[in-house]
């Protein structure tokens, strides 16, 4: 469960209920937190088909998502991006014995 998301939900609920909470309001609060937790747990694992439908490629990395966040500033899109991203890996150096250069004129 994403703690940042849960904190956002908690803060929004506190805005709605600024005073002391009744038993019914506490039950409502617990229900909202439970549904938010379920939303995080269910949405935490997108499969590759879902990610492709959202427009994310299989080569998506966390740093790509960070760049997207800076450009777009959309938290929901950023979270979806992170759920579809792969861990960063250092590219291996590939060396070839020879190469053929063809010049088209």
N, C-alpha and C. Protein backbone atom coordinates (compact mmCIF):
# COMPACT_ATOMS: atom_id res chain seq x y z
N UNK A 1 0.85 -1.17 0.00
CA UNK A 1 0.00 0.00 0.00
C UNK A 1 0.89 1.23 0.00
N UNK A 2 0.55 2.18 -0.82
CA UNK A 2 1.32 3.40 -0.93
C UNK A 2 0.97 4.33 0.23
N UNK A 3 1.92 4.58 1.11
CA UNK A 3 1.69 5.40 2.30
C UNK A 3 1.36 6.83 1.93
N UNK A 4 1.96 7.34 0.88
CA UNK A 4 1.69 8.71 0.45
C UNK A 4 0.23 8.86 0.03
N UNK A 5 -0.28 7.87 -0.69
CA UNK A 5 -1.68 7.90 -1.13
C UNK A 5 -2.61 7.84 0.08
N UNK A 6 -2.29 6.96 1.04
CA UNK A 6 -3.12 6.83 2.24
C UNK A 6 -3.11 8.14 3.04
N UNK A 7 -1.96 8.79 3.09
CA UNK A 7 -1.87 10.08 3.78
C UNK A 7 -2.74 11.13 3.11
N UNK A 8 -2.76 11.12 1.78
CA UNK A 8 -3.61 12.06 1.04
C UNK A 8 -5.08 11.81 1.35
N UNK A 9 -5.47 10.54 1.36
CA UNK A 9 -6.86 10.19 1.68
C UNK A 9 -7.19 10.65 3.09
N UNK A 10 -6.30 10.39 4.04
CA UNK A 10 -6.52 10.79 5.42
C UNK A 10 -6.71 12.30 5.54
N UNK A 11 -5.84 13.07 4.88
CA UNK A 11 -5.94 14.53 4.94
C UNK A 11 -7.25 15.04 4.34
N UNK A 12 -7.69 14.43 3.27
CA UNK A 12 -8.96 14.86 2.66
C UNK A 12 -10.15 14.56 3.57
N UNK A 13 -10.09 13.44 4.26
CA UNK A 13 -11.18 13.09 5.18
C UNK A 13 -11.19 14.05 6.36
N UNK A 14 -10.03 14.41 6.86
CA UNK A 14 -9.95 15.36 7.97
C UNK A 14 -10.54 16.71 7.55
N UNK A 15 -10.33 17.11 6.28
CA UNK A 15 -10.91 18.36 5.78
C UNK A 15 -12.43 18.30 5.80
N UNK A 16 -12.98 17.12 5.48
CA UNK A 16 -14.44 16.96 5.46
C UNK A 16 -15.01 16.97 6.87
N UNK A 17 -14.30 16.36 7.82
CA UNK A 17 -14.75 16.27 9.20
C UNK A 17 -13.80 17.06 10.11
N UNK A 18 -13.92 18.40 10.14
CA UNK A 18 -12.95 19.19 10.90
C UNK A 18 -13.10 19.08 12.42
N UNK A 19 -14.28 18.75 12.92
CA UNK A 19 -14.50 18.70 14.38
C UNK A 19 -14.33 17.29 14.92
N UNK A 20 -14.76 17.09 16.17
CA UNK A 20 -14.71 15.75 16.76
C UNK A 20 -15.58 14.78 15.96
N UNK A 21 -15.12 13.54 15.86
CA UNK A 21 -15.82 12.57 15.03
C UNK A 21 -16.78 11.72 15.87
N UNK A 22 -17.98 11.48 15.32
CA UNK A 22 -18.94 10.59 15.96
C UNK A 22 -18.60 9.15 15.59
N UNK A 23 -19.27 8.19 16.23
CA UNK A 23 -19.04 6.79 15.94
C UNK A 23 -19.32 6.48 14.47
N UNK A 24 -20.39 7.04 13.93
CA UNK A 24 -20.74 6.80 12.52
C UNK A 24 -19.68 7.39 11.59
N UNK A 25 -19.17 8.55 11.92
CA UNK A 25 -18.13 9.17 11.09
C UNK A 25 -16.83 8.36 11.14
N UNK A 26 -16.52 7.79 12.31
CA UNK A 26 -15.33 6.95 12.43
C UNK A 26 -15.49 5.70 11.58
N UNK A 27 -16.69 5.11 11.57
CA UNK A 27 -16.94 3.93 10.74
C UNK A 27 -16.81 4.28 9.26
N UNK A 28 -17.33 5.45 8.88
CA UNK A 28 -17.21 5.90 7.49
C UNK A 28 -15.74 6.11 7.14
N UNK A 29 -15.00 6.72 8.06
CA UNK A 29 -13.58 6.95 7.87
C UNK A 29 -12.84 5.62 7.65
N UNK A 30 -13.15 4.62 8.48
CA UNK A 30 -12.53 3.30 8.34
C UNK A 30 -12.88 2.66 7.01
N UNK A 31 -14.12 2.81 6.57
CA UNK A 31 -14.54 2.25 5.29
C UNK A 31 -13.81 2.90 4.13
N UNK A 32 -13.64 4.20 4.19
CA UNK A 32 -12.92 4.91 3.13
C UNK A 32 -11.46 4.48 3.10
N UNK A 33 -10.84 4.35 4.27
CA UNK A 33 -9.44 3.91 4.31
C UNK A 33 -9.29 2.48 3.78
N UNK A 34 -10.24 1.62 4.13
CA UNK A 34 -10.20 0.25 3.64
C UNK A 34 -10.34 0.21 2.12
N UNK A 35 -11.27 1.00 1.57
CA UNK A 35 -11.44 1.02 0.12
C UNK A 35 -10.21 1.60 -0.57
N UNK A 36 -9.59 2.59 0.04
CA UNK A 36 -8.36 3.16 -0.53
C UNK A 36 -7.24 2.12 -0.51
N UNK A 37 -7.15 1.36 0.57
CA UNK A 37 -6.12 0.32 0.66
C UNK A 37 -6.36 -0.76 -0.39
N UNK A 38 -7.61 -1.14 -0.59
CA UNK A 38 -7.92 -2.13 -1.62
C UNK A 38 -7.61 -1.60 -3.01
N UNK A 39 -7.91 -0.32 -3.22
CA UNK A 39 -7.60 0.30 -4.51
C UNK A 39 -6.10 0.25 -4.78
N UNK A 40 -5.31 0.54 -3.76
CA UNK A 40 -3.85 0.49 -3.92
C UNK A 40 -3.38 -0.93 -4.18
N UNK A 41 -3.94 -1.88 -3.44
CA UNK A 41 -3.49 -3.27 -3.58
C UNK A 41 -3.88 -3.84 -4.93
N UNK A 42 -5.08 -3.55 -5.41
CA UNK A 42 -5.52 -4.08 -6.70
C UNK A 42 -4.79 -3.38 -7.84
N UNK A 43 -4.59 -2.08 -7.72
CA UNK A 43 -3.94 -1.33 -8.79
C UNK A 43 -2.44 -1.44 -8.78
N UNK A 44 -1.88 -2.14 -7.80
CA UNK A 44 -0.43 -2.17 -7.65
C UNK A 44 0.27 -3.01 -8.70
N UNK A 45 -0.44 -3.90 -9.33
CA UNK A 45 0.22 -4.79 -10.28
C UNK A 45 -0.51 -4.80 -11.62
N UNK A 46 -0.08 -3.96 -12.52
CA UNK A 46 -0.63 -3.98 -13.88
C UNK A 46 0.10 -5.06 -14.66
N UNK A 47 -0.62 -5.77 -15.49
CA UNK A 47 0.08 -6.71 -16.37
C UNK A 47 0.52 -5.95 -17.62
N UNK A 48 1.33 -6.60 -18.44
CA UNK A 48 1.90 -5.91 -19.60
C UNK A 48 0.83 -5.46 -20.58
N UNK A 49 -0.26 -6.22 -20.71
CA UNK A 49 -1.34 -5.82 -21.62
C UNK A 49 -2.02 -4.55 -21.14
N UNK A 50 -2.25 -4.44 -19.83
CA UNK A 50 -2.86 -3.23 -19.28
C UNK A 50 -1.95 -2.02 -19.48
N UNK A 51 -0.65 -2.23 -19.28
CA UNK A 51 0.30 -1.14 -19.46
C UNK A 51 0.34 -0.68 -20.92
N UNK A 52 0.29 -1.63 -21.84
CA UNK A 52 0.27 -1.26 -23.26
C UNK A 52 -1.00 -0.50 -23.61
N UNK A 53 -2.14 -0.89 -23.02
CA UNK A 53 -3.39 -0.17 -23.25
C UNK A 53 -3.32 1.26 -22.73
N UNK A 54 -2.58 1.45 -21.63
CA UNK A 54 -2.40 2.79 -21.07
C UNK A 54 -1.41 3.62 -21.87
N UNK A 55 -0.68 2.97 -22.78
CA UNK A 55 0.28 3.69 -23.61
C UNK A 55 1.72 3.59 -23.15
N UNK A 56 1.98 2.72 -22.17
CA UNK A 56 3.33 2.56 -21.66
C UNK A 56 3.99 1.36 -22.34
N UNK A 57 5.25 1.52 -22.73
CA UNK A 57 5.98 0.43 -23.39
C UNK A 57 6.58 -0.51 -22.35
N UNK A 58 7.04 -1.65 -22.83
CA UNK A 58 7.65 -2.64 -21.94
C UNK A 58 9.03 -2.21 -21.47
N UNK A 59 9.62 -1.22 -22.12
CA UNK A 59 10.96 -0.77 -21.76
C UNK A 59 10.94 0.44 -20.82
N UNK A 60 9.79 0.74 -20.28
CA UNK A 60 9.62 1.89 -19.39
C UNK A 60 10.42 1.71 -18.10
N UNK A 61 11.16 2.75 -17.71
CA UNK A 61 11.96 2.69 -16.49
C UNK A 61 11.46 3.73 -15.49
N UNK A 62 11.91 3.60 -14.25
CA UNK A 62 11.52 4.54 -13.20
C UNK A 62 11.97 5.96 -13.55
N UNK A 63 13.15 6.10 -14.12
CA UNK A 63 13.63 7.44 -14.48
C UNK A 63 12.75 8.06 -15.57
N UNK A 64 12.20 7.23 -16.47
CA UNK A 64 11.25 7.74 -17.46
C UNK A 64 10.02 8.31 -16.77
N UNK A 65 9.54 7.61 -15.75
CA UNK A 65 8.36 8.06 -15.00
C UNK A 65 8.66 9.37 -14.26
N UNK A 66 9.87 9.48 -13.72
CA UNK A 66 10.25 10.72 -13.03
C UNK A 66 10.27 11.90 -14.00
N UNK A 67 10.74 11.67 -15.21
CA UNK A 67 10.73 12.74 -16.23
C UNK A 67 9.30 13.10 -16.61
N UNK A 68 8.44 12.09 -16.71
CA UNK A 68 7.03 12.32 -17.02
C UNK A 68 6.37 13.16 -15.93
N UNK A 69 6.67 12.86 -14.68
CA UNK A 69 6.10 13.59 -13.56
C UNK A 69 6.50 15.06 -13.61
N UNK A 70 7.76 15.32 -13.92
CA UNK A 70 8.23 16.70 -14.00
C UNK A 70 7.57 17.45 -15.14
N UNK A 71 7.34 16.76 -16.26
CA UNK A 71 6.76 17.42 -17.43
C UNK A 71 5.26 17.64 -17.30
N UNK A 72 4.55 16.65 -16.77
CA UNK A 72 3.09 16.69 -16.79
C UNK A 72 2.50 17.11 -15.45
N UNK A 73 3.15 16.76 -14.35
CA UNK A 73 2.69 17.06 -12.99
C UNK A 73 1.30 16.48 -12.71
N UNK A 74 1.12 15.23 -13.10
CA UNK A 74 -0.14 14.50 -12.86
C UNK A 74 0.19 13.29 -11.99
N UNK A 75 -0.20 13.35 -10.71
CA UNK A 75 0.17 12.29 -9.76
C UNK A 75 -0.43 10.93 -10.14
N UNK A 76 -1.67 10.91 -10.62
CA UNK A 76 -2.30 9.64 -10.99
C UNK A 76 -1.57 8.99 -12.16
N UNK A 77 -1.23 9.79 -13.15
CA UNK A 77 -0.49 9.27 -14.30
C UNK A 77 0.89 8.78 -13.86
N UNK A 78 1.52 9.51 -12.95
CA UNK A 78 2.83 9.12 -12.43
C UNK A 78 2.75 7.77 -11.71
N UNK A 79 1.72 7.58 -10.89
CA UNK A 79 1.55 6.30 -10.18
C UNK A 79 1.34 5.15 -11.17
N UNK A 80 0.52 5.38 -12.19
CA UNK A 80 0.32 4.34 -13.21
C UNK A 80 1.62 4.02 -13.92
N UNK A 81 2.38 5.06 -14.20
CA UNK A 81 3.67 4.88 -14.87
C UNK A 81 4.59 4.02 -14.00
N UNK A 82 4.66 4.31 -12.71
CA UNK A 82 5.51 3.54 -11.81
C UNK A 82 5.08 2.08 -11.74
N UNK A 83 3.77 1.84 -11.78
CA UNK A 83 3.27 0.48 -11.71
C UNK A 83 3.65 -0.32 -12.96
N UNK A 84 3.89 0.36 -14.06
CA UNK A 84 4.25 -0.31 -15.31
C UNK A 84 5.75 -0.28 -15.57
N UNK A 85 6.51 0.38 -14.72
CA UNK A 85 7.94 0.55 -15.00
C UNK A 85 8.76 -0.64 -14.54
N UNK A 86 9.93 -0.75 -15.14
CA UNK A 86 10.91 -1.77 -14.78
C UNK A 86 12.04 -1.12 -14.01
N UNK A 87 12.77 -1.92 -13.26
CA UNK A 87 13.92 -1.39 -12.54
C UNK A 87 15.00 -0.96 -13.52
N UNK A 88 15.77 0.02 -13.08
CA UNK A 88 16.86 0.52 -13.91
C UNK A 88 17.95 -0.55 -14.03
N UNK A 89 18.47 -0.72 -15.20
CA UNK A 89 19.61 -1.60 -15.40
C UNK A 89 20.65 -0.86 -16.21
N UNK A 90 21.89 -1.12 -15.90
CA UNK A 90 22.95 -0.49 -16.67
C UNK A 90 23.09 -1.25 -17.99
N UNK A 91 23.13 -0.51 -19.09
CA UNK A 91 23.28 -1.20 -20.37
C UNK A 91 24.66 -1.86 -20.46
N UNK A 92 24.68 -3.05 -20.98
CA UNK A 92 25.94 -3.75 -21.16
C UNK A 92 26.66 -3.19 -22.38
N UNK A 93 27.97 -3.19 -22.29
CA UNK A 93 28.75 -2.76 -23.45
C UNK A 93 28.79 -3.91 -24.43
N UNK A 94 28.45 -3.61 -25.63
CA UNK A 94 28.48 -4.63 -26.69
C UNK A 94 29.58 -4.25 -27.66
N UNK A 95 30.45 -5.18 -27.91
CA UNK A 95 31.55 -4.93 -28.84
C UNK A 95 31.44 -5.89 -30.01
N UNK A 96 31.69 -5.37 -31.19
CA UNK A 96 31.65 -6.17 -32.41
C UNK A 96 33.06 -6.24 -32.99
N UNK A 97 33.34 -7.34 -33.65
CA UNK A 97 34.65 -7.49 -34.29
C UNK A 97 34.79 -6.57 -35.49
N UNK A 98 33.71 -6.46 -36.22
CA UNK A 98 33.78 -5.62 -37.42
C UNK A 98 32.39 -5.08 -37.72
N UNK A 99 32.37 -4.15 -38.65
CA UNK A 99 31.11 -3.57 -39.08
C UNK A 99 31.22 -3.21 -40.54
N UNK A 100 30.10 -3.18 -41.21
CA UNK A 100 30.05 -2.79 -42.60
C UNK A 100 29.29 -1.48 -42.68
N UNK A 101 29.90 -0.48 -43.27
CA UNK A 101 29.29 0.82 -43.43
C UNK A 101 28.86 0.97 -44.87
N UNK A 102 27.58 1.12 -45.10
CA UNK A 102 27.08 1.30 -46.45
C UNK A 102 26.63 2.75 -46.58
N UNK A 103 27.09 3.40 -47.65
CA UNK A 103 26.73 4.78 -47.88
C UNK A 103 25.83 4.83 -49.10
N UNK A 104 24.64 5.35 -48.90
CA UNK A 104 23.69 5.49 -50.03
C UNK A 104 23.85 6.90 -50.62
N UNK A 105 23.88 6.94 -51.95
CA UNK A 105 24.03 8.24 -52.59
C UNK A 105 22.81 8.60 -53.39
